[in-house]
Amino acid sequence: MPLDEAKEKEMKKHTFEKGQVVFIRTVTHHYLGQVAEVLEDCVVLQKAPWVADDGRFSKCVAGQFDDQAEVEVYPPEALVSVYYGGMIDSVIWPGELPTESK
């Protein structure tokens, strides 16, 4: 049975809001950044580091990186699109955004 347009629109809702700082896990990478734009198929991040290794996950989602963490920062002007189809989960990031690679 095909979905009606209203139901389809409802299913496309997301939890991202412009200005939020979020940590996103995808099937292959982890991203951190401030939401610049929320589009139908992706969220666009600014001030966005790519997190190669988040270290202890519980410490990471609490807004801190331990000594094992590995973070690579995109150039400050870069906008990073993260597509919903590849996302596993996301949380609001309570810490400061890294400005240097570590």
PDB file of N, CA and C in Angstrom:
ATOM      1  N   MET A   1       0.837  -1.168   0.000  1.00  0.00           N
ATOM      2  CA  MET A   1       0.000   0.000   0.000  1.00  0.00           C
ATOM      3  C   MET A   1       0.896   1.250   0.000  1.00  0.00           C
ATOM      4  N   PRO A   2       0.804   2.113  -0.986  1.00  0.00           N
ATOM      5  CA  PRO A   2       1.661   3.291  -1.050  1.00  0.00           C
ATOM      6  C   PRO A   2       1.333   4.285   0.069  1.00  0.00           C
ATOM      7  N   LEU A   3       2.357   4.992   0.515  1.00  0.00           N
ATOM      8  CA  LEU A   3       2.171   6.003   1.555  1.00  0.00           C
ATOM      9  C   LEU A   3       1.572   7.262   0.941  1.00  0.00           C
ATOM     10  N   ASP A   4       0.672   7.911   1.677  1.00  0.00           N
ATOM     11  CA  ASP A   4       0.177   9.184   1.181  1.00  0.00           C
ATOM     12  C   ASP A   4       1.236  10.262   1.432  1.00  0.00           C
ATOM     13  N   GLU A   5       1.087  11.378   0.783  1.00  0.00           N
ATOM     14  CA  GLU A   5       2.096  12.437   0.838  1.00  0.00           C
ATOM     15  C   GLU A   5       2.328  12.943   2.260  1.00  0.00           C
ATOM     16  N   ALA A   6       1.282  13.083   3.051  1.00  0.00           N
ATOM     17  CA  ALA A   6       1.415  13.568   4.426  1.00  0.00           C
ATOM     18  C   ALA A   6       2.219  12.590   5.279  1.00  0.00           C
ATOM     19  N   LYS A   7       1.948  11.304   5.133  1.00  0.00           N
ATOM     20  CA  LYS A   7       2.673  10.283   5.902  1.00  0.00           C
ATOM     21  C   LYS A   7       4.136  10.255   5.491  1.00  0.00           C
ATOM     22  N   GLU A   8       4.404  10.361   4.197  1.00  0.00           N
ATOM     23  CA  GLU A   8       5.776  10.366   3.697  1.00  0.00           C
ATOM     24  C   GLU A   8       6.545  11.571   4.241  1.00  0.00           C
ATOM     25  N   LYS A   9       5.896  12.732   4.284  1.00  0.00           N
ATOM     26  CA  LYS A   9       6.521  13.937   4.820  1.00  0.00           C
ATOM     27  C   LYS A   9       6.834  13.763   6.306  1.00  0.00           C
ATOM     28  N   GLU A  10       5.909  13.158   7.035  1.00  0.00           N
ATOM     29  CA  GLU A  10       6.090  12.901   8.469  1.00  0.00           C
ATOM     30  C   GLU A  10       7.300  12.008   8.705  1.00  0.00           C
ATOM     31  N   MET A  11       7.493  11.002   7.873  1.00  0.00           N
ATOM     32  CA  MET A  11       8.607  10.075   8.032  1.00  0.00           C
ATOM     33  C   MET A  11       9.955  10.736   7.766  1.00  0.00           C
ATOM     34  N   LYS A  12       9.961  11.828   7.019  1.00  0.00           N
ATOM     35  CA  LYS A  12      11.208  12.505   6.669  1.00  0.00           C
ATOM     36  C   LYS A  12      11.641  13.516   7.728  1.00  0.00           C
ATOM     37  N   LYS A  13      10.865  13.677   8.789  1.00  0.00           N
ATOM     38  CA  LYS A  13      11.247  14.605   9.840  1.00  0.00           C
ATOM     39  C   LYS A  13      12.549  14.133  10.487  1.00  0.00           C
ATOM     40  N   HIS A  14      13.257  15.058  11.043  1.00  0.00           N
ATOM     41  CA  HIS A  14      14.555  14.773  11.653  1.00  0.00           C
ATOM     42  C   HIS A  14      14.623  15.504  12.982  1.00  0.00           C
ATOM     43  N   THR A  15      15.686  15.285  13.689  1.00  0.00           N
ATOM     44  CA  THR A  15      15.831  15.922  14.993  1.00  0.00           C
ATOM     45  C   THR A  15      16.868  17.031  14.980  1.00  0.00           C
ATOM     46  N   PHE A  16      17.490  17.301  13.857  1.00  0.00           N
ATOM     47  CA  PHE A  16      18.529  18.328  13.796  1.00  0.00           C
ATOM     48  C   PHE A  16      17.919  19.717  13.716  1.00  0.00           C
ATOM     49  N   GLU A  17      18.562  20.663  14.413  1.00  0.00           N
ATOM     50  CA  GLU A  17      18.137  22.055  14.360  1.00  0.00           C
ATOM     51  C   GLU A  17      19.347  22.922  14.073  1.00  0.00           C
ATOM     52  N   LYS A  18      19.145  23.915  13.238  1.00  0.00           N
ATOM     53  CA  LYS A  18      20.215  24.836  12.870  1.00  0.00           C
ATOM     54  C   LYS A  18      20.838  25.426  14.136  1.00  0.00           C
ATOM     55  N   GLY A  19      22.167  25.448  14.182  1.00  0.00           N
ATOM     56  CA  GLY A  19      22.892  26.003  15.324  1.00  0.00           C
ATOM     57  C   GLY A  19      23.328  24.980  16.356  1.00  0.00           C
ATOM     58  N   GLN A  20      22.671  23.810  16.394  1.00  0.00           N
ATOM     59  CA  GLN A  20      23.063  22.762  17.344  1.00  0.00           C
ATOM     60  C   GLN A  20      24.466  22.266  17.025  1.00  0.00           C
ATOM     61  N   VAL A  21      25.163  21.825  18.046  1.00  0.00           N
ATOM     62  CA  VAL A  21      26.438  21.145  17.847  1.00  0.00           C
ATOM     63  C   VAL A  21      26.179  19.667  18.096  1.00  0.00           C
ATOM     64  N   VAL A  22      26.505  18.822  17.109  1.00  0.00           N
ATOM     65  CA  VAL A  22      26.151  17.408  17.173  1.00  0.00           C
ATOM     66  C   VAL A  22      27.348  16.512  16.874  1.00  0.00           C
ATOM     67  N   PHE A  23      27.287  15.308  17.428  1.00  0.00           N
ATOM     68  CA  PHE A  23      28.222  14.233  17.122  1.00  0.00           C
ATOM     69  C   PHE A  23      27.409  13.185  16.376  1.00  0.00           C
ATOM     70  N   ILE A  24      27.855  12.813  15.172  1.00  0.00           N
ATOM     71  CA  ILE A  24      27.112  11.877  14.331  1.00  0.00           C
ATOM     72  C   ILE A  24      27.987  10.685  13.991  1.00  0.00           C
ATOM     73  N   ARG A  25      27.462   9.478  14.224  1.00  0.00           N
ATOM     74  CA  ARG A  25      28.147   8.266  13.767  1.00  0.00           C
ATOM     75  C   ARG A  25      27.472   7.807  12.483  1.00  0.00           C
ATOM     76  N   THR A  26      28.274   7.495  11.472  1.00  0.00           N
ATOM     77  CA  THR A  26      27.745   6.922  10.244  1.00  0.00           C
ATOM     78  C   THR A  26      28.301   5.516  10.113  1.00  0.00           C
ATOM     79  N   VAL A  27      27.919   4.814   9.063  1.00  0.00           N
ATOM     80  CA  VAL A  27      28.385   3.443   8.889  1.00  0.00           C
ATOM     81  C   VAL A  27      29.890   3.372   8.689  1.00  0.00           C
ATOM     82  N   THR A  28      30.526   4.460   8.275  1.00  0.00           N
ATOM     83  CA  THR A  28      31.978   4.420   8.049  1.00  0.00           C
ATOM     84  C   THR A  28      32.770   5.456   8.832  1.00  0.00           C
ATOM     85  N   HIS A  29      32.177   6.577   9.210  1.00  0.00           N
ATOM     86  CA  HIS A  29      32.917   7.659   9.857  1.00  0.00           C
ATOM     87  C   HIS A  29      32.118   8.250  11.009  1.00  0.00           C
ATOM     88  N   HIS A  30      32.788   9.117  11.772  1.00  0.00           N
ATOM     89  CA  HIS A  30      32.139   9.894  12.818  1.00  0.00           C
ATOM     90  C   HIS A  30      32.406  11.363  12.505  1.00  0.00           C
ATOM     91  N   TYR A  31      31.408  12.204  12.719  1.00  0.00           N
ATOM     92  CA  TYR A  31      31.538  13.631  12.453  1.00  0.00           C
ATOM     93  C   TYR A  31      31.062  14.417  13.656  1.00  0.00           C
ATOM     94  N   LEU A  32      31.613  15.606  13.781  1.00  0.00           N
ATOM     95  CA  LEU A  32      31.252  16.514  14.846  1.00  0.00           C
ATOM     96  C   LEU A  32      31.109  17.872  14.179  1.00  0.00           C
ATOM     97  N   GLY A  33      30.151  18.661  14.571  1.00  0.00           N
ATOM     98  CA  GLY A  33      30.050  19.986  13.973  1.00  0.00           C
ATOM     99  C   GLY A  33      28.786  20.706  14.362  1.00  0.00           C
ATOM    100  N   GLN A  34      28.733  21.958  13.930  1.00  0.00           N
ATOM    101  CA  GLN A  34      27.561  22.791  14.168  1.00  0.00           C
ATOM    102  C   GLN A  34      26.654  22.694  12.951  1.00  0.00           C
ATOM    103  N   VAL A  35      25.371  22.471  13.186  1.00  0.00           N
ATOM    104  CA  VAL A  35      24.410  22.336  12.094  1.00  0.00           C
ATOM    105  C   VAL A  35      24.257  23.690  11.405  1.00  0.00           C
ATOM    106  N   ALA A  36      24.629  23.722  10.116  1.00  0.00           N
ATOM    107  CA  ALA A  36      24.502  24.936   9.313  1.00  0.00           C
ATOM    108  C   ALA A  36      23.204  24.922   8.526  1.00  0.00           C
ATOM    109  N   GLU A  37      22.779  23.730   8.109  1.00  0.00           N
ATOM    110  CA  GLU A  37      21.594  23.602   7.262  1.00  0.00           C
ATOM    111  C   GLU A  37      21.017  22.206   7.451  1.00  0.00           C
ATOM    112  N   VAL A  38      19.710  22.113   7.428  1.00  0.00           N
ATOM    113  CA  VAL A  38      19.018  20.828   7.495  1.00  0.00           C
ATOM    114  C   VAL A  38      18.258  20.675   6.183  1.00  0.00           C
ATOM    115  N   LEU A  39      18.673  19.717   5.370  1.00  0.00           N
ATOM    116  CA  LEU A  39      18.052  19.480   4.073  1.00  0.00           C
ATOM    117  C   LEU A  39      17.245  18.193   4.106  1.00  0.00           C
ATOM    118  N   GLU A  40      16.516  17.933   3.065  1.00  0.00           N
ATOM    119  CA  GLU A  40      15.669  16.746   3.014  1.00  0.00           C
ATOM    120  C   GLU A  40      16.469  15.444   3.087  1.00  0.00           C
ATOM    121  N   ASP A  41      17.652  15.429   2.488  1.00  0.00           N
ATOM    122  CA  ASP A  41      18.428  14.184   2.433  1.00  0.00           C
ATOM    123  C   ASP A  41      19.705  14.191   3.263  1.00  0.00           C
ATOM    124  N   CYS A  42      20.059  15.347   3.843  1.00  0.00           N
ATOM    125  CA  CYS A  42      21.297  15.403   4.627  1.00  0.00           C
ATOM    126  C   CYS A  42      21.268  16.571   5.601  1.00  0.00           C
ATOM    127  N   VAL A  43      22.217  16.526   6.534  1.00  0.00           N
ATOM    128  CA  VAL A  43      22.455  17.654   7.430  1.00  0.00           C
ATOM    129  C   VAL A  43      23.825  18.208   7.028  1.00  0.00           C
ATOM    130  N   VAL A  44      23.937  19.528   6.993  1.00  0.00           N
ATOM    131  CA  VAL A  44      25.187  20.178   6.605  1.00  0.00           C
ATOM    132  C   VAL A  44      25.817  20.758   7.862  1.00  0.00           C
ATOM    133  N   LEU A  45      27.084  20.383   8.089  1.00  0.00           N
ATOM    134  CA  LEU A  45      27.808  20.830   9.278  1.00  0.00           C
ATOM    135  C   LEU A  45      28.862  21.864   8.908  1.00  0.00           C
ATOM    136  N   GLN A  46      29.111  22.771   9.834  1.00  0.00           N
ATOM    137  CA  GLN A  46      30.225  23.713   9.697  1.00  0.00           C
ATOM    138  C   GLN A  46      31.109  23.568  10.925  1.00  0.00           C
ATOM    139  N   LYS A  47      32.338  24.093  10.843  1.00  0.00           N
ATOM    140  CA  LYS A  47      33.306  23.953  11.945  1.00  0.00           C
ATOM    141  C   LYS A  47      33.419  22.481  12.312  1.00  0.00           C
ATOM    142  N   ALA A  48      33.535  21.628  11.305  1.00  0.00           N
ATOM    143  CA  ALA A  48      33.334  20.188  11.476  1.00  0.00           C
ATOM    144  C   ALA A  48      34.622  19.376  11.462  1.00  0.00           C
ATOM    145  N   PRO A  49      34.974  18.758  12.568  1.00  0.00           N
ATOM    146  CA  PRO A  49      36.042  17.772  12.558  1.00  0.00           C
ATOM    147  C   PRO A  49      35.517  16.389  12.163  1.00  0.00           C
ATOM    148  N   TRP A  50      36.366  15.643  11.501  1.00  0.00           N
ATOM    149  CA  TRP A  50      36.128  14.220  11.246  1.00  0.00           C
ATOM    150  C   TRP A  50      36.795  13.496  12.400  1.00  0.00           C
ATOM    151  N   VAL A  51      36.085  12.594  13.045  1.00  0.00           N
ATOM    152  CA  VAL A  51      36.613  11.882  14.208  1.00  0.00           C
ATOM    153  C   VAL A  51      37.034  10.486  13.759  1.00  0.00           C
ATOM    154  N   ALA A  52      38.342  10.298  13.597  1.00  0.00           N
ATOM    155  CA  ALA A  52      38.877   9.019  13.127  1.00  0.00           C
ATOM    156  C   ALA A  52      38.809   7.963  14.226  1.00  0.00           C
ATOM    157  N   ASP A  53      39.006   8.380  15.469  1.00  0.00           N
ATOM    158  CA  ASP A  53      38.943   7.472  16.622  1.00  0.00           C
ATOM    159  C   ASP A  53      38.405   8.278  17.787  1.00  0.00           C
ATOM    160  N   ASP A  54      37.250   7.881  18.313  1.00  0.00           N
ATOM    161  CA  ASP A  54      36.640   8.669  19.383  1.00  0.00           C
ATOM    162  C   ASP A  54      37.135   8.292  20.773  1.00  0.00           C
ATOM    163  N   GLY A  55      38.076   7.331  20.866  1.00  0.00           N
ATOM    164  CA  GLY A  55      38.551   6.909  22.187  1.00  0.00           C
ATOM    165  C   GLY A  55      37.431   6.228  22.952  1.00  0.00           C
ATOM    166  N   ARG A  56      37.378   6.441  24.267  1.00  0.00           N
ATOM    167  CA  ARG A  56      36.282   5.879  25.068  1.00  0.00           C
ATOM    168  C   ARG A  56      34.988   6.573  24.672  1.00  0.00           C
ATOM    169  N   PHE A  57      34.028   5.784  24.178  1.00  0.00           N
ATOM    170  CA  PHE A  57      32.799   6.364  23.636  1.00  0.00           C
ATOM    171  C   PHE A  57      32.024   7.148  24.693  1.00  0.00           C
ATOM    172  N   SER A  58      31.925   6.620  25.902  1.00  0.00           N
ATOM    173  CA  SER A  58      31.160   7.307  26.949  1.00  0.00           C
ATOM    174  C   SER A  58      31.773   8.670  27.277  1.00  0.00           C
ATOM    175  N   LYS A  59      33.079   8.758  27.244  1.00  0.00           N
ATOM    176  CA  LYS A  59      33.749  10.030  27.490  1.00  0.00           C
ATOM    177  C   LYS A  59      33.521  10.978  26.307  1.00  0.00           C
ATOM    178  N   CYS A  60      33.566  10.421  25.110  1.00  0.00           N
ATOM    179  CA  CYS A  60      33.369  11.214  23.898  1.00  0.00           C
ATOM    180  C   CYS A  60      31.986  11.860  23.872  1.00  0.00           C
ATOM    181  N   VAL A  61      30.943  11.083  24.077  1.00  0.00           N
ATOM    182  CA  VAL A  61      29.589  11.656  24.009  1.00  0.00           C
ATOM    183  C   VAL A  61      29.284  12.568  25.193  1.00  0.00           C
ATOM    184  N   ALA A  62      30.166  12.564  26.197  1.00  0.00           N
ATOM    185  CA  ALA A  62      30.046  13.518  27.300  1.00  0.00           C
ATOM    186  C   ALA A  62      30.775  14.820  26.962  1.00  0.00           C
ATOM    187  N   GLY A  63      31.368  14.887  25.748  1.00  0.00           N
ATOM    188  CA  GLY A  63      31.987  16.124  25.295  1.00  0.00           C
ATOM    189  C   GLY A  63      33.483  16.212  25.481  1.00  0.00           C
ATOM    190  N   GLN A  64      34.137  15.062  25.729  1.00  0.00           N
ATOM    191  CA  GLN A  64      35.586  15.064  25.954  1.00  0.00           C
ATOM    192  C   GLN A  64      36.236  13.979  25.107  1.00  0.00           C
ATOM    193  N   PHE A  65      37.463  14.224  24.703  1.00  0.00           N
ATOM    194  CA  PHE A  65      38.245  13.199  24.014  1.00  0.00           C
ATOM    195  C   PHE A  65      39.384  12.777  24.919  1.00  0.00           C
ATOM    196  N   ASP A  66      39.620  11.461  25.014  1.00  0.00           N
ATOM    197  CA  ASP A  66      40.750  10.991  25.804  1.00  0.00           C
ATOM    198  C   ASP A  66      42.015  10.979  24.934  1.00  0.00           C
ATOM    199  N   ASP A  67      43.115  10.481  25.497  1.00  0.00           N
ATOM    200  CA  ASP A  67      44.398  10.490  24.786  1.00  0.00           C
ATOM    201  C   ASP A  67      44.409   9.594  23.558  1.00  0.00           C
ATOM    202  N   GLN A  68      43.521   8.612  23.487  1.00  0.00           N
ATOM    203  CA  GLN A  68      43.466   7.695  22.353  1.00  0.00           C
ATOM    204  C   GLN A  68      42.725   8.287  21.155  1.00  0.00           C
ATOM    205  N   ALA A  69      41.962   9.336  21.379  1.00  0.00           N
ATOM    206  CA  ALA A  69      41.128   9.914  20.322  1.00  0.00           C
ATOM    207  C   ALA A  69      41.987  10.518  19.214  1.00  0.00           C
ATOM    208  N   GLU A  70      41.433  10.476  18.015  1.00  0.00           N
ATOM    209  CA  GLU A  70      42.092  11.038  16.845  1.00  0.00           C
ATOM    210  C   GLU A  70      41.059  11.885  16.094  1.00  0.00           C
ATOM    211  N   VAL A  71      41.352  13.165  15.961  1.00  0.00           N
ATOM    212  CA  VAL A  71      40.403  14.113  15.378  1.00  0.00           C
ATOM    213  C   VAL A  71      41.113  14.909  14.286  1.00  0.00           C
ATOM    214  N   GLU A  72      40.520  14.974  13.110  1.00  0.00           N
ATOM    215  CA  GLU A  72      41.064  15.747  11.993  1.00  0.00           C
ATOM    216  C   GLU A  72      40.080  16.859  11.670  1.00  0.00           C
ATOM    217  N   VAL A  73      40.543  18.104  11.702  1.00  0.00           N
ATOM    218  CA  VAL A  73      39.674  19.252  11.517  1.00  0.00           C
ATOM    219  C   VAL A  73      39.619  19.653  10.039  1.00  0.00           C
ATOM    220  N   TYR A  74      38.399  19.841   9.521  1.00  0.00           N
ATOM    221  CA  TYR A  74      38.220  20.393   8.179  1.00  0.00           C
ATOM    222  C   TYR A  74      38.637  21.867   8.207  1.00  0.00           C
ATOM    223  N   PRO A  75      38.956  22.451   7.046  1.00  0.00           N
ATOM    224  CA  PRO A  75      39.215  23.899   7.022  1.00  0.00           C
ATOM    225  C   PRO A  75      38.004  24.651   7.576  1.00  0.00           C
ATOM    226  N   PRO A  76      38.220  25.764   8.259  1.00  0.00           N
ATOM    227  CA  PRO A  76      37.124  26.482   8.932  1.00  0.00           C
ATOM    228  C   PRO A  76      35.961  26.856   8.017  1.00  0.00           C
ATOM    229  N   GLU A  77      36.220  27.110   6.750  1.00  0.00           N
ATOM    230  CA  GLU A  77      35.150  27.524   5.829  1.00  0.00           C
ATOM    231  C   GLU A  77      34.418  26.344   5.180  1.00  0.00           C
ATOM    232  N   ALA A  78      34.885  25.121   5.435  1.00  0.00           N
ATOM    233  CA  ALA A  78      34.290  23.939   4.802  1.00  0.00           C
ATOM    234  C   ALA A  78      32.892  23.653   5.344  1.00  0.00           C
ATOM    235  N   LEU A  79      32.018  23.228   4.442  1.00  0.00           N
ATOM    236  CA  LEU A  79      30.694  22.733   4.814  1.00  0.00           C
ATOM    237  C   LEU A  79      30.684  21.242   4.514  1.00  0.00           C
ATOM    238  N   VAL A  80      30.270  20.435   5.477  1.00  0.00           N
ATOM    239  CA  VAL A  80      30.309  18.983   5.353  1.00  0.00           C
ATOM    240  C   VAL A  80      28.890  18.430   5.348  1.00  0.00           C
ATOM    241  N   SER A  81      28.518  17.741   4.274  1.00  0.00           N
ATOM    242  CA  SER A  81      27.190  17.134   4.163  1.00  0.00           C
ATOM    243  C   SER A  81      27.242  15.699   4.669  1.00  0.00           C
ATOM    244  N   VAL A  82      26.370  15.371   5.602  1.00  0.00           N
ATOM    245  CA  VAL A  82      26.271  14.014   6.132  1.00  0.00           C
ATOM    246  C   VAL A  82      24.870  13.525   5.795  1.00  0.00           C
ATOM    247  N   TYR A  83      24.795  12.477   4.977  1.00  0.00           N
ATOM    248  CA  TYR A  83      23.506  12.002   4.465  1.00  0.00           C
ATOM    249  C   TYR A  83      22.825  11.055   5.452  1.00  0.00           C
ATOM    250  N   TYR A  84      21.516  11.231   5.619  1.00  0.00           N
ATOM    251  CA  TYR A  84      20.737  10.464   6.590  1.00  0.00           C
ATOM    252  C   TYR A  84      20.834   8.957   6.355  1.00  0.00           C
ATOM    253  N   GLY A  85      20.901   8.537   5.091  1.00  0.00           N
ATOM    254  CA  GLY A  85      20.932   7.109   4.777  1.00  0.00           C
ATOM    255  C   GLY A  85      22.099   6.367   5.387  1.00  0.00           C
ATOM    256  N   GLY A  86      23.199   7.049   5.668  1.00  0.00           N
ATOM    257  CA  GLY A  86      24.369   6.400   6.241  1.00  0.00           C
ATOM    258  C   GLY A  86      24.522   6.595   7.742  1.00  0.00           C
ATOM    259  N   MET A  87      23.606   7.338   8.349  1.00  0.00           N
ATOM    260  CA  MET A  87      23.724   7.618   9.789  1.00  0.00           C
ATOM    261  C   MET A  87      23.293   6.433  10.637  1.00  0.00           C
ATOM    262  N   ILE A  88      24.017   6.251  11.722  1.00  0.00           N
ATOM    263  CA  ILE A  88      23.658   5.237  12.709  1.00  0.00           C
ATOM    264  C   ILE A  88      22.963   5.906  13.890  1.00  0.00           C
ATOM    265  N   ASP A  89      23.594   6.939  14.431  1.00  0.00           N
ATOM    266  CA  ASP A  89      22.993   7.681  15.534  1.00  0.00           C
ATOM    267  C   ASP A  89      23.647   9.048  15.646  1.00  0.00           C
ATOM    268  N   SER A  90      23.059   9.889  16.487  1.00  0.00           N
ATOM    269  CA  SER A  90      23.614  11.221  16.723  1.00  0.00           C
ATOM    270  C   SER A  90      23.226  11.679  18.123  1.00  0.00           C
ATOM    271  N   VAL A  91      24.055  12.543  18.682  1.00  0.00           N
ATOM    272  CA  VAL A  91      23.765  13.132  19.993  1.00  0.00           C
ATOM    273  C   VAL A  91      24.168  14.602  19.952  1.00  0.00           C
ATOM    274  N   ILE A  92      23.543  15.379  20.830  1.00  0.00           N
ATOM    275  CA  ILE A  92      23.964  16.769  21.005  1.00  0.00           C
ATOM    276  C   ILE A  92      25.336  16.733  21.670  1.00  0.00           C
ATOM    277  N   TRP A  93      26.271  17.507  21.169  1.00  0.00           N
ATOM    278  CA  TRP A  93      27.644  17.539  21.698  1.00  0.00           C
ATOM    279  C   TRP A  93      27.714  18.603  22.786  1.00  0.00           C
ATOM    280  N   PRO A  94      28.033  18.225  24.031  1.00  0.00           N
ATOM    281  CA  PRO A  94      28.054  19.192  25.128  1.00  0.00           C
ATOM    282  C   PRO A  94      29.385  19.916  25.298  1.00  0.00           C
ATOM    283  N   GLY A  95      30.411  19.501  24.564  1.00  0.00           N
ATOM    284  CA  GLY A  95      31.743  20.095  24.749  1.00  0.00           C
ATOM    285  C   GLY A  95      32.060  21.168  23.725  1.00  0.00           C
ATOM    286  N   GLU A  96      33.288  21.631  23.775  1.00  0.00           N
ATOM    287  CA  GLU A  96      33.791  22.605  22.811  1.00  0.00           C
ATOM    288  C   GLU A  96      34.168  21.888  21.527  1.00  0.00           C
ATOM    289  N   LEU A  97      33.967  22.538  20.398  1.00  0.00           N
ATOM    290  CA  LEU A  97      34.396  21.961  19.119  1.00  0.00           C
ATOM    291  C   LEU A  97      35.909  22.109  19.003  1.00  0.00           C
ATOM    292  N   PRO A  98      36.609  21.014  18.664  1.00  0.00           N
ATOM    293  CA  PRO A  98      38.061  21.127  18.473  1.00  0.00           C
ATOM    294  C   PRO A  98      38.377  22.054  17.305  1.00  0.00           C
ATOM    295  N   THR A  99      39.420  22.838  17.429  1.00  0.00           N
ATOM    296  CA  THR A  99      39.850  23.732  16.359  1.00  0.00           C
ATOM    297  C   THR A  99      41.172  23.278  15.742  1.00  0.00           C
ATOM    298  N   GLU A 100      41.788  22.251  16.343  1.00  0.00           N
ATOM    299  CA  GLU A 100      43.046  21.713  15.838  1.00  0.00           C
ATOM    300  C   GLU A 100      42.956  20.207  15.787  1.00  0.00           C
ATOM    301  N   SER A 101      43.671  19.626  14.813  1.00  0.00           N
ATOM    302  CA  SER A 101      43.720  18.159  14.709  1.00  0.00           C
ATOM    303  C   SER A 101      44.510  17.604  15.887  1.00  0.00           C
ATOM    304  N   LYS A 102      44.154  16.388  16.277  1.00  0.00           N
ATOM    305  CA  LYS A 102      44.822  15.754  17.432  1.00  0.00           C
ATOM    306  C   LYS A 102      45.020  14.290  17.120  1.00  0.00           C
TER     307      LYS A 102
END
